[in-house]
Structure formats: C-alpha cells, structure tokens
Amino acid sequence: MSPRGRRPTPAQILGARVRARREELGWFQADLARVARTHATYISRLEAGKVNPSLDVIVDVAFALGMNVSTLTANLLPRERRRRRRAKGTSADLTTADGDEPMGDRVGEAEGSGADW
C-alpha cells in the first residue's frame, strides 16, 4: 500500500521492480540509463512511478536489466481489476462466449451475401 492507504499504481509497481533489479545488479541509475539508452532523470522518475513508459522504454529497460518483458510487467493490475476486465470481455478476447471467432474476423465473409451492413 502507498502512503495514503491506496494501492500502488501499475507505474509504481513497475518502478519498484526496476529499482529492485537495478540494486541487485549493484548499478546506479546512471548505469541503467546508459545501457537502456535513456537519461538518469527518466530512470529516477520511472522508479518513482511518476511516468508511464512506452513499450520501447519497457523493452530497453528490461533488456538492460537482463529480464524478460513479461517478467517485468507481470500482474501490474490488482487482481480484482484483472477479474473485472476479463468479465467485461475486452477486445483482447479472441473468441466469443460460445467459442466462435469474433464477428470482426468474419465481416469479409458477409460481403456479397446480400446482408445489409
């Protein structure tokens, strides 16, 4: 929990993981910044959870730290938010509830079939 009793944000969780791994390696923020091709001030803000890094930055930082991106970013959302997103059926779902492909993958099949789209 953060100082105000709120749960940490995904950016704060990511930042804590980056800091922990950097410290395991015995590196300064400037060392990580050099290897990840960014600035030490950005690494400081990243570790503090004050920035939402782009995918490019996440990949560069993970590579610099010798980590997989999936390990660095795993479970950034609180468990209840992950459940809610799954229950809503996000666009990341590749099948419908009955196991068929989503309609978006079948639009081309309907062309010329007389259906009014």
Protein backbone atom coordinates (compact mmCIF):
# COMPACT_ATOMS: atom_id res chain seq x y z
CA MET A 1 0.00 0.00 0.00
CA SER A 2 1.15 3.52 -0.75
CA PRO A 3 1.49 6.17 2.00
CA ARG A 4 -2.13 7.31 1.68
CA GLY A 5 -3.52 3.81 2.08
CA ARG A 6 -4.18 3.42 -1.65
CA ARG A 7 -2.94 0.51 -3.65
CA PRO A 8 0.15 1.23 -5.73
CA THR A 9 -0.45 2.11 -9.35
CA PRO A 10 0.88 -0.10 -12.15
CA ALA A 11 3.58 2.54 -12.78
CA GLN A 12 4.66 2.37 -9.13
CA ILE A 13 4.79 -1.43 -9.18
CA LEU A 14 6.84 -1.38 -12.39
CA GLY A 15 9.16 1.25 -10.91
CA ALA A 16 9.72 -0.79 -7.75
CA ARG A 17 10.62 -3.84 -9.85
CA VAL A 18 13.09 -1.82 -11.92
CA ARG A 19 14.71 -0.37 -8.79
CA ALA A 20 14.94 -3.76 -7.07
CA ARG A 21 16.61 -5.39 -10.08
CA ARG A 22 18.96 -2.41 -10.61
CA GLU A 23 20.04 -2.60 -6.98
CA GLU A 24 20.53 -6.39 -7.25
CA LEU A 25 22.98 -5.66 -10.05
CA GLY A 26 24.74 -3.02 -7.95
CA TRP A 27 24.07 -0.35 -10.54
CA PHE A 28 23.43 3.35 -10.16
CA GLN A 29 20.54 4.94 -12.06
CA ALA A 30 23.11 6.43 -14.44
CA ASP A 31 24.43 2.92 -15.22
CA LEU A 32 20.97 1.66 -16.11
CA ALA A 33 20.24 4.80 -18.12
CA ARG A 34 23.40 4.35 -20.18
CA VAL A 35 22.67 0.70 -21.00
CA ALA A 36 18.95 1.36 -21.64
CA ARG A 37 19.77 4.39 -23.82
CA THR A 38 17.84 6.94 -21.78
CA HIS A 39 18.55 9.60 -19.13
CA ALA A 40 19.20 9.03 -15.43
CA THR A 41 16.46 11.55 -14.58
CA TYR A 42 14.00 9.43 -16.57
CA ILE A 43 15.08 6.28 -14.71
CA SER A 44 14.56 8.18 -11.43
CA ARG A 45 11.03 9.16 -12.45
CA LEU A 46 10.34 5.62 -13.73
CA GLU A 47 11.43 4.07 -10.43
CA ALA A 48 9.27 6.56 -8.52
CA GLY A 49 6.22 5.59 -10.59
CA LYS A 50 5.85 9.11 -11.96
CA VAL A 51 5.91 8.19 -15.66
CA ASN A 52 4.06 5.71 -17.82
CA PRO A 53 6.83 4.38 -20.05
CA SER A 54 6.30 3.49 -23.68
CA LEU A 55 6.66 -0.09 -24.81
CA ASP A 56 10.03 0.81 -26.36
CA VAL A 57 11.31 2.05 -22.99
CA ILE A 58 9.98 -1.01 -21.17
CA VAL A 59 11.73 -3.29 -23.68
CA ASP A 60 15.01 -1.35 -23.44
CA VAL A 61 14.95 -1.30 -19.62
CA ALA A 62 14.06 -5.00 -19.36
CA PHE A 63 16.86 -5.91 -21.80
CA ALA A 64 19.34 -3.71 -19.92
CA LEU A 65 18.38 -5.41 -16.65
CA GLY A 66 18.65 -8.88 -18.18
CA MET A 67 14.93 -9.54 -17.69
CA ASN A 68 12.09 -10.70 -19.88
CA VAL A 69 9.50 -8.01 -20.58
CA SER A 70 6.82 -10.46 -19.39
CA THR A 71 8.56 -10.87 -16.03
CA LEU A 72 8.96 -7.12 -15.59
CA THR A 73 5.33 -6.37 -16.45
CA ALA A 74 3.54 -9.42 -14.97
CA ASN A 75 0.46 -8.74 -12.85
CA LEU A 76 0.71 -4.95 -12.79
CA LEU A 77 -3.04 -4.63 -12.26
CA PRO A 78 -4.57 -5.54 -8.90
CA ARG A 79 -6.27 -8.93 -9.00
CA GLU A 80 -9.82 -7.51 -8.82
CA ARG A 81 -9.18 -5.19 -11.80
CA ARG A 82 -7.89 -8.13 -13.85
CA ARG A 83 -11.05 -10.11 -13.00
CA ARG A 84 -13.29 -7.18 -13.96
CA ARG A 85 -11.56 -6.77 -17.29
CA ARG A 86 -11.92 -10.47 -18.08
CA ALA A 87 -15.59 -10.42 -17.09
CA LYS A 88 -16.30 -7.49 -19.39
CA GLY A 89 -14.87 -9.36 -22.38
CA THR A 90 -12.19 -6.96 -23.55
CA SER A 91 -11.13 -6.65 -27.16
CA ALA A 92 -8.16 -8.83 -26.26
CA ASP A 93 -10.52 -11.82 -26.15
CA LEU A 94 -10.06 -13.86 -29.32
CA THR A 95 -13.20 -15.95 -29.03
CA THR A 96 -16.81 -15.30 -28.10
CA ALA A 97 -18.53 -16.95 -25.16
CA ASP A 98 -19.68 -19.83 -27.39
CA GLY A 99 -16.17 -20.40 -28.75
CA ASP A 100 -16.67 -18.83 -32.20
CA GLU A 101 -14.34 -16.27 -33.69
CA PRO A 102 -15.37 -12.66 -33.07
CA MET A 103 -17.62 -11.05 -35.67
CA GLY A 104 -14.80 -8.74 -36.78
CA ASP A 105 -12.97 -11.73 -38.27
CA ARG A 106 -15.99 -12.78 -40.32
CA VAL A 107 -17.00 -9.44 -41.86
CA GLY A 108 -15.26 -10.24 -45.13
CA GLU A 109 -17.31 -13.45 -45.48
CA ALA A 110 -20.55 -11.49 -45.37
CA GLU A 111 -19.68 -9.23 -48.32
CA GLY A 112 -21.73 -10.05 -51.35
CA SER A 113 -24.05 -12.26 -49.34
CA GLY A 114 -26.93 -9.81 -49.59
CA ALA A 115 -26.68 -8.76 -45.95
CA ASP A 116 -27.24 -5.08 -45.26
CA TRP A 117 -24.10 -3.91 -43.46
